[in-house]
Amino acid sequence: MNVLIAYASKYGAVKKVAGLIAERLPGGPRVISLRDGEHADLSQFDVVLVGGSIYAGKVIKEIPAFCDRYREQLLGRQVGLFLSCLYEGETAEAQLREAFPPWLSAHAFGSYLVGGEIVLGRLRFFDRVIVKKVANLTGDVHKIDRTVIDRIVADVGSLPVS
């Protein structure tokens, strides 16, 4: 089974998650950064995992652009969605629902909240000020949920091979 992991990450949390997923999937999935402008021929893949993160309450802009651009190809593949955010509960669920187009969410075999990570030293000054003020942070946050990553890998492994 050929797997593509397409992600967009501003400060590295989603890149880290994409890497953790890739490490656990057999067959060496292809990992591309949408933010870096990387592309892939989706027809070469059976499964496409799309992952992004939330900034100022919205998913990183490369995610909706990718979904719109590849709509027909995504609908012809098995698709899983993952989102990095620091919220939990209903707020996180609402962000997950709003992050991806409804047509893709309805098509996906799974939608996953993978937690998040903020390393204050990596943030640009303005982002650091906003994060500290809005989230009331005084230090780094490491809340990537590896059990969810394991669930993504297990779900991909249980998909029927076309």
N, C-alpha and C. Protein backbone atom coordinates (compact mmCIF):
# COMPACT_ATOMS: atom_id res chain seq x y z
N MET A 1 0.85 -1.17 0.00
CA MET A 1 0.00 0.00 0.00
C MET A 1 0.90 1.24 0.00
N ASN A 2 0.68 2.11 -0.96
CA ASN A 2 1.45 3.35 -1.06
C ASN A 2 0.75 4.46 -0.29
N VAL A 3 1.48 5.09 0.61
CA VAL A 3 0.91 6.12 1.48
C VAL A 3 1.64 7.44 1.28
N LEU A 4 0.85 8.51 1.16
CA LEU A 4 1.38 9.87 1.12
C LEU A 4 0.93 10.58 2.38
N ILE A 5 1.87 11.25 3.04
CA ILE A 5 1.54 12.12 4.16
C ILE A 5 1.84 13.55 3.71
N ALA A 6 0.78 14.32 3.50
CA ALA A 6 0.90 15.71 3.07
C ALA A 6 0.55 16.58 4.27
N TYR A 7 1.46 17.44 4.67
CA TYR A 7 1.23 18.23 5.87
C TYR A 7 1.66 19.67 5.65
N ALA A 8 1.15 20.53 6.51
CA ALA A 8 1.59 21.93 6.55
C ALA A 8 1.84 22.29 8.01
N SER A 9 3.04 22.78 8.26
CA SER A 9 3.46 23.09 9.62
C SER A 9 4.20 24.42 9.63
N LYS A 10 3.84 25.28 10.56
CA LYS A 10 4.51 26.58 10.66
C LYS A 10 5.74 26.50 11.54
N TYR A 11 5.62 25.84 12.69
CA TYR A 11 6.73 25.80 13.63
C TYR A 11 7.24 24.40 13.95
N GLY A 12 6.72 23.40 13.25
CA GLY A 12 7.32 22.07 13.37
C GLY A 12 6.53 21.00 14.08
N ALA A 13 5.44 21.32 14.76
CA ALA A 13 4.70 20.29 15.47
C ALA A 13 4.08 19.28 14.50
N VAL A 14 3.48 19.75 13.42
CA VAL A 14 2.85 18.84 12.47
C VAL A 14 3.91 18.07 11.69
N LYS A 15 5.03 18.71 11.42
CA LYS A 15 6.14 18.00 10.78
C LYS A 15 6.59 16.85 11.66
N LYS A 16 6.68 17.10 12.96
CA LYS A 16 7.07 16.06 13.91
C LYS A 16 6.06 14.92 13.90
N VAL A 17 4.77 15.25 13.91
CA VAL A 17 3.72 14.23 13.88
C VAL A 17 3.80 13.42 12.59
N ALA A 18 3.95 14.12 11.45
CA ALA A 18 4.06 13.42 10.16
C ALA A 18 5.23 12.44 10.19
N GLY A 19 6.34 12.86 10.77
CA GLY A 19 7.51 11.99 10.88
C GLY A 19 7.25 10.78 11.77
N LEU A 20 6.56 11.00 12.89
CA LEU A 20 6.24 9.89 13.79
C LEU A 20 5.32 8.88 13.12
N ILE A 21 4.36 9.37 12.35
CA ILE A 21 3.48 8.47 11.61
C ILE A 21 4.29 7.69 10.58
N ALA A 22 5.12 8.40 9.82
CA ALA A 22 5.92 7.78 8.77
C ALA A 22 6.84 6.70 9.32
N GLU A 23 7.44 6.95 10.49
CA GLU A 23 8.33 5.97 11.12
C GLU A 23 7.62 4.66 11.41
N ARG A 24 6.33 4.73 11.72
CA ARG A 24 5.59 3.56 12.15
C ARG A 24 4.87 2.82 11.00
N LEU A 25 4.75 3.48 9.87
CA LEU A 25 4.07 2.85 8.73
C LEU A 25 5.07 2.03 7.91
N PRO A 26 4.70 0.80 7.57
CA PRO A 26 5.60 -0.01 6.75
C PRO A 26 5.62 0.51 5.31
N GLY A 27 6.66 0.17 4.60
CA GLY A 27 6.73 0.49 3.18
C GLY A 27 7.26 1.87 2.85
N GLY A 28 7.69 2.62 3.83
CA GLY A 28 8.28 3.92 3.57
C GLY A 28 7.36 4.91 2.88
N PRO A 29 6.38 5.43 3.62
CA PRO A 29 5.47 6.40 3.01
C PRO A 29 6.23 7.64 2.55
N ARG A 30 5.66 8.32 1.57
CA ARG A 30 6.24 9.59 1.11
C ARG A 30 5.66 10.70 1.97
N VAL A 31 6.51 11.60 2.43
CA VAL A 31 6.10 12.71 3.27
C VAL A 31 6.43 14.00 2.53
N ILE A 32 5.42 14.88 2.36
CA ILE A 32 5.68 16.15 1.69
C ILE A 32 5.18 17.31 2.54
N SER A 33 5.90 18.41 2.47
CA SER A 33 5.53 19.64 3.17
C SER A 33 4.82 20.56 2.19
N LEU A 34 3.54 20.78 2.41
CA LEU A 34 2.78 21.69 1.55
C LEU A 34 3.26 23.12 1.71
N ARG A 35 3.68 23.45 2.89
CA ARG A 35 4.18 24.82 3.16
C ARG A 35 5.45 25.10 2.37
N ASP A 36 6.25 24.07 2.14
CA ASP A 36 7.49 24.23 1.37
C ASP A 36 7.24 24.10 -0.13
N GLY A 37 5.98 23.93 -0.52
CA GLY A 37 5.64 23.85 -1.94
C GLY A 37 5.90 22.51 -2.58
N GLU A 38 6.10 21.48 -1.78
CA GLU A 38 6.33 20.15 -2.35
C GLU A 38 5.03 19.62 -2.95
N HIS A 39 5.16 18.84 -4.01
CA HIS A 39 4.00 18.26 -4.69
C HIS A 39 4.22 16.76 -4.87
N ALA A 40 3.12 16.06 -5.10
CA ALA A 40 3.19 14.64 -5.40
C ALA A 40 2.04 14.29 -6.33
N ASP A 41 2.26 13.30 -7.16
CA ASP A 41 1.21 12.79 -8.03
C ASP A 41 0.34 11.86 -7.20
N LEU A 42 -0.84 12.32 -6.82
CA LEU A 42 -1.70 11.54 -5.93
C LEU A 42 -2.12 10.21 -6.53
N SER A 43 -2.08 10.09 -7.85
CA SER A 43 -2.47 8.83 -8.48
C SER A 43 -1.52 7.69 -8.11
N GLN A 44 -0.36 8.01 -7.57
CA GLN A 44 0.62 7.01 -7.17
C GLN A 44 0.36 6.42 -5.77
N PHE A 45 -0.68 6.94 -5.10
CA PHE A 45 -0.90 6.58 -3.70
C PHE A 45 -2.29 5.99 -3.48
N ASP A 46 -2.35 4.98 -2.62
CA ASP A 46 -3.62 4.37 -2.23
C ASP A 46 -4.26 5.16 -1.08
N VAL A 47 -3.40 5.68 -0.20
CA VAL A 47 -3.85 6.37 1.00
C VAL A 47 -3.15 7.73 1.06
N VAL A 48 -3.93 8.76 1.40
CA VAL A 48 -3.37 10.09 1.60
C VAL A 48 -3.77 10.56 2.99
N LEU A 49 -2.78 10.86 3.80
CA LEU A 49 -3.01 11.47 5.11
C LEU A 49 -2.72 12.95 4.98
N VAL A 50 -3.65 13.79 5.41
CA VAL A 50 -3.51 15.24 5.31
C VAL A 50 -3.50 15.80 6.72
N GLY A 51 -2.45 16.55 7.05
CA GLY A 51 -2.35 17.09 8.39
C GLY A 51 -1.97 18.55 8.42
N GLY A 52 -2.54 19.25 9.38
CA GLY A 52 -2.26 20.67 9.55
C GLY A 52 -2.37 21.07 11.00
N SER A 53 -2.21 22.36 11.22
CA SER A 53 -2.27 22.87 12.59
C SER A 53 -3.12 24.13 12.61
N ILE A 54 -3.49 24.52 13.81
CA ILE A 54 -4.34 25.68 14.04
C ILE A 54 -3.47 26.86 14.46
N TYR A 55 -3.69 28.01 13.80
CA TYR A 55 -3.06 29.26 14.19
C TYR A 55 -4.14 30.32 14.22
N ALA A 56 -4.27 31.01 15.32
CA ALA A 56 -5.28 32.05 15.49
C ALA A 56 -6.68 31.53 15.16
N GLY A 57 -6.94 30.29 15.56
CA GLY A 57 -8.26 29.71 15.40
C GLY A 57 -8.57 29.15 14.03
N LYS A 58 -7.64 29.21 13.10
CA LYS A 58 -7.86 28.71 11.73
C LYS A 58 -6.77 27.71 11.37
N VAL A 59 -7.14 26.78 10.49
CA VAL A 59 -6.14 25.83 10.01
C VAL A 59 -5.16 26.57 9.10
N ILE A 60 -3.94 26.14 9.11
CA ILE A 60 -2.90 26.75 8.28
C ILE A 60 -3.36 26.74 6.81
N LYS A 61 -3.16 27.84 6.11
CA LYS A 61 -3.80 28.10 4.81
C LYS A 61 -3.47 27.08 3.72
N GLU A 62 -2.35 26.41 3.80
CA GLU A 62 -1.99 25.45 2.76
C GLU A 62 -2.92 24.23 2.74
N ILE A 63 -3.57 23.95 3.87
CA ILE A 63 -4.46 22.78 3.93
C ILE A 63 -5.70 22.95 3.06
N PRO A 64 -6.50 24.00 3.23
CA PRO A 64 -7.66 24.14 2.34
C PRO A 64 -7.26 24.30 0.88
N ALA A 65 -6.14 24.95 0.61
CA ALA A 65 -5.68 25.11 -0.77
C ALA A 65 -5.37 23.75 -1.39
N PHE A 66 -4.68 22.88 -0.65
CA PHE A 66 -4.37 21.53 -1.13
C PHE A 66 -5.65 20.73 -1.36
N CYS A 67 -6.56 20.80 -0.40
CA CYS A 67 -7.81 20.04 -0.51
C CYS A 67 -8.61 20.48 -1.73
N ASP A 68 -8.70 21.76 -1.95
CA ASP A 68 -9.44 22.27 -3.11
C ASP A 68 -8.76 21.88 -4.42
N ARG A 69 -7.46 22.04 -4.46
CA ARG A 69 -6.71 21.74 -5.69
C ARG A 69 -6.82 20.28 -6.09
N TYR A 70 -6.81 19.38 -5.11
CA TYR A 70 -6.79 17.94 -5.38
C TYR A 70 -8.11 17.25 -5.04
N ARG A 71 -9.19 17.99 -5.03
CA ARG A 71 -10.49 17.45 -4.61
C ARG A 71 -10.84 16.12 -5.29
N GLU A 72 -10.83 16.08 -6.59
CA GLU A 72 -11.24 14.86 -7.31
C GLU A 72 -10.30 13.70 -7.01
N GLN A 73 -9.00 13.97 -6.95
CA GLN A 73 -8.04 12.91 -6.65
C GLN A 73 -8.19 12.41 -5.22
N LEU A 74 -8.45 13.32 -4.30
CA LEU A 74 -8.64 12.90 -2.90
C LEU A 74 -9.89 12.05 -2.75
N LEU A 75 -10.93 12.39 -3.47
CA LEU A 75 -12.16 11.61 -3.39
C LEU A 75 -12.00 10.22 -3.99
N GLY A 76 -10.95 10.02 -4.76
CA GLY A 76 -10.68 8.70 -5.34
C GLY A 76 -9.70 7.87 -4.53
N ARG A 77 -9.33 8.35 -3.36
CA ARG A 77 -8.37 7.65 -2.52
C ARG A 77 -8.92 7.48 -1.11
N GLN A 78 -8.25 6.64 -0.34
CA GLN A 78 -8.57 6.54 1.08
C GLN A 78 -7.81 7.67 1.78
N VAL A 79 -8.56 8.48 2.51
CA VAL A 79 -7.99 9.70 3.10
C VAL A 79 -8.19 9.70 4.61
N GLY A 80 -7.13 10.05 5.31
CA GLY A 80 -7.21 10.29 6.75
C GLY A 80 -6.77 11.72 7.02
N LEU A 81 -7.38 12.33 8.03
CA LEU A 81 -7.11 13.72 8.36
C LEU A 81 -6.57 13.82 9.78
N PHE A 82 -5.57 14.66 9.99
CA PHE A 82 -5.11 14.88 11.36
C PHE A 82 -4.83 16.35 11.59
N LEU A 83 -5.09 16.76 12.82
CA LEU A 83 -4.96 18.17 13.19
C LEU A 83 -4.20 18.30 14.50
N SER A 84 -3.26 19.22 14.50
CA SER A 84 -2.52 19.55 15.71
C SER A 84 -3.11 20.81 16.31
N CYS A 85 -3.55 20.71 17.54
CA CYS A 85 -4.01 21.88 18.29
C CYS A 85 -3.84 21.59 19.77
N LEU A 86 -3.78 22.64 20.56
CA LEU A 86 -3.56 22.46 21.99
C LEU A 86 -4.85 22.32 22.78
N TYR A 87 -5.96 22.70 22.17
CA TYR A 87 -7.23 22.57 22.87
C TYR A 87 -7.62 21.11 23.00
N GLU A 88 -8.52 20.86 23.91
CA GLU A 88 -9.08 19.52 24.11
C GLU A 88 -10.59 19.63 24.13
N GLY A 89 -11.27 18.51 24.14
CA GLY A 89 -12.72 18.49 24.27
C GLY A 89 -13.44 19.10 23.09
N GLU A 90 -14.57 19.75 23.38
CA GLU A 90 -15.44 20.28 22.33
C GLU A 90 -14.75 21.37 21.50
N THR A 91 -13.90 22.17 22.11
CA THR A 91 -13.19 23.20 21.35
C THR A 91 -12.30 22.56 20.30
N ALA A 92 -11.57 21.53 20.67
CA ALA A 92 -10.70 20.82 19.72
C ALA A 92 -11.54 20.14 18.64
N GLU A 93 -12.64 19.51 19.04
CA GLU A 93 -13.52 18.85 18.06
C GLU A 93 -14.06 19.87 17.06
N ALA A 94 -14.44 21.05 17.53
CA ALA A 94 -14.94 22.10 16.64
C ALA A 94 -13.85 22.54 15.67
N GLN A 95 -12.62 22.68 16.16
CA GLN A 95 -11.53 23.07 15.27
C GLN A 95 -11.27 21.99 14.22
N LEU A 96 -11.38 20.74 14.61
CA LEU A 96 -11.20 19.64 13.66
C LEU A 96 -12.28 19.68 12.58
N ARG A 97 -13.52 19.91 12.99
CA ARG A 97 -14.63 19.98 12.02
C ARG A 97 -14.44 21.14 11.04
N GLU A 98 -13.92 22.25 11.53
CA GLU A 98 -13.78 23.45 10.70
C GLU A 98 -12.50 23.45 9.87
N ALA A 99 -11.53 22.62 10.22
CA ALA A 99 -10.23 22.65 9.56
C ALA A 99 -10.25 22.11 8.14
N PHE A 100 -11.09 21.13 7.90
CA PHE A 100 -11.11 20.46 6.61
C PHE A 100 -12.47 20.67 5.94
N PRO A 101 -12.49 20.70 4.61
CA PRO A 101 -13.77 20.88 3.93
C PRO A 101 -14.75 19.76 4.29
N PRO A 102 -16.04 20.08 4.43
CA PRO A 102 -17.02 19.05 4.80
C PRO A 102 -17.04 17.85 3.86
N TRP A 103 -16.87 18.08 2.57
CA TRP A 103 -16.87 16.97 1.61
C TRP A 103 -15.72 16.00 1.87
N LEU A 104 -14.57 16.52 2.35
CA LEU A 104 -13.43 15.66 2.63
C LEU A 104 -13.60 14.95 3.97
N SER A 105 -14.11 15.66 4.95
CA SER A 105 -14.37 15.04 6.25
C SER A 105 -15.35 13.88 6.12
N ALA A 106 -16.38 14.08 5.29
CA ALA A 106 -17.38 13.02 5.08
C ALA A 106 -16.78 11.81 4.36
N HIS A 107 -15.78 12.04 3.54
CA HIS A 107 -15.14 10.97 2.76
C HIS A 107 -14.06 10.23 3.56
N ALA A 108 -13.45 10.89 4.52
CA ALA A 108 -12.28 10.36 5.23
C ALA A 108 -12.61 9.12 6.04
N PHE A 109 -11.65 8.19 6.10
CA PHE A 109 -11.81 7.00 6.95
C PHE A 109 -11.59 7.34 8.41
N GLY A 110 -10.95 8.48 8.69
CA GLY A 110 -10.72 8.90 10.07
C GLY A 110 -10.26 10.34 10.15
N SER A 111 -10.62 10.99 11.24
CA SER A 111 -10.19 12.36 11.54
C SER A 111 -9.64 12.34 12.96
N TYR A 112 -8.43 12.84 13.13
CA TYR A 112 -7.71 12.64 14.38
C TYR A 112 -7.17 13.95 14.95
N LEU A 113 -7.31 14.11 16.24
CA LEU A 113 -6.69 15.20 16.98
C LEU A 113 -5.41 14.66 17.60
N VAL A 114 -4.26 15.18 17.19
CA VAL A 114 -2.98 14.62 17.62
C VAL A 114 -2.31 15.42 18.74
N GLY A 115 -3.04 16.38 19.31
CA GLY A 115 -2.43 17.22 20.34
C GLY A 115 -1.55 18.27 19.69
N GLY A 116 -0.68 18.85 20.46
CA GLY A 116 0.15 19.91 19.90
C GLY A 116 1.42 20.11 20.67
N GLU A 117 2.17 21.06 20.18
CA GLU A 117 3.46 21.36 20.80
C GLU A 117 3.79 22.81 20.50
N ILE A 118 4.25 23.50 21.49
CA ILE A 118 4.75 24.87 21.30
C ILE A 118 6.11 24.96 22.00
N VAL A 119 7.09 25.34 21.22
CA VAL A 119 8.41 25.63 21.76
C VAL A 119 8.60 27.13 21.59
N LEU A 120 8.48 27.86 22.68
CA LEU A 120 8.46 29.31 22.62
C LEU A 120 9.67 29.90 21.90
N GLY A 121 10.81 29.28 22.06
CA GLY A 121 12.02 29.79 21.41
C GLY A 121 12.00 29.71 19.90
N ARG A 122 11.12 28.88 19.33
CA ARG A 122 11.00 28.77 17.87
C ARG A 122 10.06 29.81 17.26
N LEU A 123 9.23 30.41 18.11
CA LEU A 123 8.21 31.34 17.60
C LEU A 123 8.81 32.69 17.27
N ARG A 124 8.24 33.31 16.23
CA ARG A 124 8.60 34.70 15.94
C ARG A 124 8.08 35.55 17.09
N PHE A 125 8.66 36.72 17.25
CA PHE A 125 8.34 37.57 18.39
C PHE A 125 6.84 37.80 18.54
N PHE A 126 6.19 38.23 17.48
CA PHE A 126 4.75 38.53 17.54
C PHE A 126 3.95 37.29 17.93
N ASP A 127 4.26 36.16 17.33
CA ASP A 127 3.55 34.92 17.65
C ASP A 127 3.78 34.52 19.11
N ARG A 128 5.00 34.71 19.59
CA ARG A 128 5.32 34.38 20.98
C ARG A 128 4.50 35.24 21.94
N VAL A 129 4.38 36.54 21.66
CA VAL A 129 3.60 37.45 22.51
C VAL A 129 2.13 37.02 22.52
N ILE A 130 1.58 36.73 21.34
CA ILE A 130 0.18 36.32 21.24
C ILE A 130 -0.07 35.01 21.98
N VAL A 131 0.79 34.03 21.75
CA VAL A 131 0.62 32.73 22.40
C VAL A 131 0.71 32.86 23.92
N LYS A 132 1.66 33.61 24.39
CA LYS A 132 1.80 33.78 25.84
C LYS A 132 0.56 34.45 26.43
N LYS A 133 0.05 35.45 25.73
CA LYS A 133 -1.10 36.19 26.23
C LYS A 133 -2.40 35.37 26.13
N VAL A 134 -2.67 34.81 24.96
CA VAL A 134 -3.92 34.10 24.73
C VAL A 134 -3.96 32.77 25.49
N ALA A 135 -2.86 32.02 25.42
CA ALA A 135 -2.82 30.71 26.06
C ALA A 135 -2.27 30.77 27.48
N ASN A 136 -1.83 31.94 27.91
CA ASN A 136 -1.29 32.11 29.25
C ASN A 136 -0.13 31.15 29.51
N LEU A 137 0.76 31.04 28.53
CA LEU A 137 1.89 30.12 28.65
C LEU A 137 3.09 30.82 29.27
N THR A 138 3.81 30.09 30.07
CA THR A 138 5.05 30.60 30.62
C THR A 138 6.24 29.75 30.18
N GLY A 139 5.95 28.64 29.52
CA GLY A 139 7.01 27.75 29.05
C GLY A 139 6.53 26.91 27.89
N ASP A 140 7.41 26.05 27.43
CA ASP A 140 7.09 25.18 26.31
C ASP A 140 5.99 24.19 26.68
N VAL A 141 5.25 23.75 25.64
CA VAL A 141 4.18 22.76 25.82
C VAL A 141 4.46 21.60 24.87
N HIS A 142 4.44 20.39 25.42
CA HIS A 142 4.65 19.18 24.61
C HIS A 142 3.49 18.24 24.89
N LYS A 143 2.47 18.30 24.01
CA LYS A 143 1.26 17.50 24.22
C LYS A 143 0.89 16.69 22.98
N ILE A 144 1.89 16.22 22.24
CA ILE A 144 1.59 15.35 21.10
C ILE A 144 1.16 14.00 21.67
N ASP A 145 0.01 13.55 21.20
CA ASP A 145 -0.61 12.32 21.72
C ASP A 145 -0.17 11.12 20.88
N ARG A 146 0.80 10.39 21.36
CA ARG A 146 1.34 9.25 20.62
C ARG A 146 0.35 8.09 20.52
N THR A 147 -0.61 8.04 21.42
CA THR A 147 -1.63 6.98 21.28
C THR A 147 -2.51 7.25 20.05
N VAL A 148 -2.74 8.51 19.75
CA VAL A 148 -3.51 8.85 18.54
C VAL A 148 -2.68 8.53 17.30
N ILE A 149 -1.39 8.79 17.36
CA ILE A 149 -0.52 8.44 16.24
C ILE A 149 -0.55 6.93 16.01
N ASP A 150 -0.50 6.17 17.09
CA ASP A 150 -0.60 4.71 16.97
C ASP A 150 -1.94 4.30 16.36
N ARG A 151 -3.01 5.02 16.71
CA ARG A 151 -4.34 4.71 16.15
C ARG A 151 -4.38 4.99 14.65
N ILE A 152 -3.76 6.09 14.24
CA ILE A 152 -3.70 6.41 12.81
C ILE A 152 -2.99 5.28 12.06
N VAL A 153 -1.85 4.87 12.58
CA VAL A 153 -1.07 3.81 11.94
C VAL A 153 -1.87 2.51 11.89
N ALA A 154 -2.55 2.17 12.97
CA ALA A 154 -3.36 0.95 12.99
C ALA A 154 -4.52 1.05 12.00
N ASP A 155 -5.16 2.22 11.94
CA ASP A 155 -6.28 2.38 11.00
C ASP A 155 -5.81 2.28 9.56
N VAL A 156 -4.68 2.88 9.24
CA VAL A 156 -4.14 2.75 7.88
C VAL A 156 -3.82 1.28 7.59
N GLY A 157 -3.24 0.59 8.55
CA GLY A 157 -2.89 -0.83 8.36
C GLY A 157 -4.11 -1.73 8.17
N SER A 158 -5.26 -1.30 8.66
CA SER A 158 -6.46 -2.14 8.54
C SER A 158 -7.28 -1.81 7.28
N LEU A 159 -6.82 -0.84 6.49
CA LEU A 159 -7.57 -0.49 5.28
C LEU A 159 -7.42 -1.59 4.25
N PRO A 160 -8.48 -1.83 3.47
CA PRO A 160 -8.35 -2.83 2.39
C PRO A 160 -7.42 -2.31 1.31
N VAL A 161 -6.63 -3.20 0.77
CA VAL A 161 -5.69 -2.84 -0.29
C VAL A 161 -6.43 -2.91 -1.62
N SER A 162 -6.32 -1.82 -2.41
CA SER A 162 -7.02 -1.82 -3.69
C SER A 162 -6.25 -2.56 -4.75
